[in-house]
Amino acid sequence: IPVDELELDRRATLGSGAGGLVVKGQWRGAAVAVKQVFCAVDDQRMVDSFVQECQLLSRVQNHPHVVRFVGCCVAPPVLCLVSQYCEHG
């Protein structure tokens, strides 16, 4: 997903940790959750790990206990994992 197609609502933080931040956003008119991973421009190991996570999640579609994977943005230092937004947890 091109990063300029994501509209992030930084006031609607859903979670945070040492490695990133999850915020509510919009993509093509749909509400989504966007996990932003903190990454240095030259951290190829982090990028590879992130891509591997995205590939794994893309294989787990339509599972009743896993939020739907929408896509990702891989343009270091911007790494975003976009998933279905769940209103109630």
Protein backbone atom coordinates (compact mmCIF):
# COMPACT_ATOMS: atom_id res chain seq x y z
CA ILE A 1 0.00 0.00 0.00
CA PRO A 2 1.51 3.37 -0.90
CA VAL A 3 1.98 5.35 2.31
CA ASP A 4 0.26 8.40 0.79
CA GLU A 5 -2.97 6.36 0.47
CA LEU A 6 -3.18 5.92 4.24
CA GLU A 7 -4.95 8.51 6.35
CA LEU A 8 -3.80 8.14 9.95
CA ASP A 9 -5.65 9.49 12.97
CA ARG A 10 -2.81 9.98 15.42
CA ARG A 11 -5.35 11.02 18.08
CA ALA A 12 -6.83 7.50 17.91
CA THR A 13 -3.93 5.46 19.26
CA LEU A 14 -4.99 1.84 19.70
CA GLY A 15 -1.73 0.61 21.23
CA SER A 16 1.97 1.25 21.52
CA GLY A 17 5.17 -0.45 22.50
CA ALA A 18 8.93 -0.28 22.16
CA GLY A 19 8.80 -1.32 18.51
CA GLY A 20 5.95 0.76 17.21
CA LEU A 21 2.53 2.31 17.41
CA VAL A 22 -0.94 1.19 16.31
CA VAL A 23 -3.39 3.88 15.21
CA LYS A 24 -6.80 3.95 13.60
CA GLY A 25 -6.75 5.02 9.99
CA GLN A 26 -8.56 5.05 6.67
CA TRP A 27 -7.59 3.35 3.44
CA ARG A 28 -9.78 3.75 0.37
CA GLY A 29 -12.71 4.75 2.56
CA ALA A 30 -12.46 1.80 4.94
CA ALA A 31 -11.54 1.98 8.62
CA VAL A 32 -8.28 0.13 9.27
CA ALA A 33 -5.76 -0.40 12.06
CA VAL A 34 -2.24 0.66 11.09
CA LYS A 35 0.74 -0.78 12.93
CA GLN A 36 3.68 1.58 12.40
CA VAL A 37 7.01 -0.11 13.09
CA PHE A 38 9.95 2.06 14.13
CA CYS A 39 12.84 1.33 11.78
CA ALA A 40 16.14 2.93 10.86
CA VAL A 41 16.64 3.52 7.15
CA ASP A 42 19.58 1.10 7.01
CA ASP A 43 18.16 -1.71 9.20
CA GLN A 44 17.74 -4.42 6.58
CA ARG A 45 17.24 -7.12 9.20
CA MET A 46 14.23 -5.24 10.58
CA VAL A 47 12.81 -4.80 7.08
CA ASP A 48 13.27 -8.50 6.30
CA SER A 49 11.56 -9.49 9.56
CA PHE A 50 8.67 -7.13 8.84
CA VAL A 51 8.22 -8.48 5.30
CA GLN A 52 8.22 -12.03 6.68
CA GLU A 53 5.49 -11.08 9.18
CA CYS A 54 3.40 -9.56 6.37
CA GLN A 55 3.83 -12.65 4.20
CA LEU A 56 2.74 -14.91 7.05
CA LEU A 57 -0.34 -12.81 7.83
CA SER A 58 -1.32 -12.68 4.17
CA ARG A 59 -1.66 -16.48 4.25
CA VAL A 60 -4.05 -16.46 7.21
CA GLN A 61 -7.08 -14.96 5.44
CA ASN A 62 -10.65 -15.60 6.57
CA HIS A 63 -9.81 -17.15 9.92
CA PRO A 64 -12.46 -16.46 12.58
CA HIS A 65 -9.85 -15.67 15.27
CA VAL A 66 -7.43 -13.49 13.28
CA VAL A 67 -8.07 -9.94 12.07
CA ARG A 68 -8.04 -9.63 8.29
CA PHE A 69 -4.69 -8.57 6.81
CA VAL A 70 -5.21 -5.70 4.34
CA GLY A 71 -1.67 -4.93 3.22
CA CYS A 72 1.58 -3.29 4.14
CA CYS A 73 3.83 -0.38 3.30
CA VAL A 74 7.53 -1.10 3.04
CA ALA A 75 9.44 2.11 2.37
CA PRO A 76 12.04 2.43 5.17
CA PRO A 77 11.93 4.20 7.53
CA VAL A 78 8.15 3.76 7.01
CA LEU A 79 6.97 0.23 7.76
CA CYS A 80 3.20 -0.12 8.19
CA LEU A 81 1.09 -3.22 8.58
CA VAL A 82 -2.54 -2.51 7.70
CA SER A 83 -5.30 -4.73 9.06
CA GLN A 84 -9.00 -4.81 9.64
CA TYR A 85 -10.16 -2.35 12.30
CA CYS A 86 -12.12 -4.01 15.09
CA GLU A 87 -14.39 -1.64 16.96
CA HIS A 88 -14.71 -3.80 20.09
CA GLY A 89 -11.31 -5.36 20.74
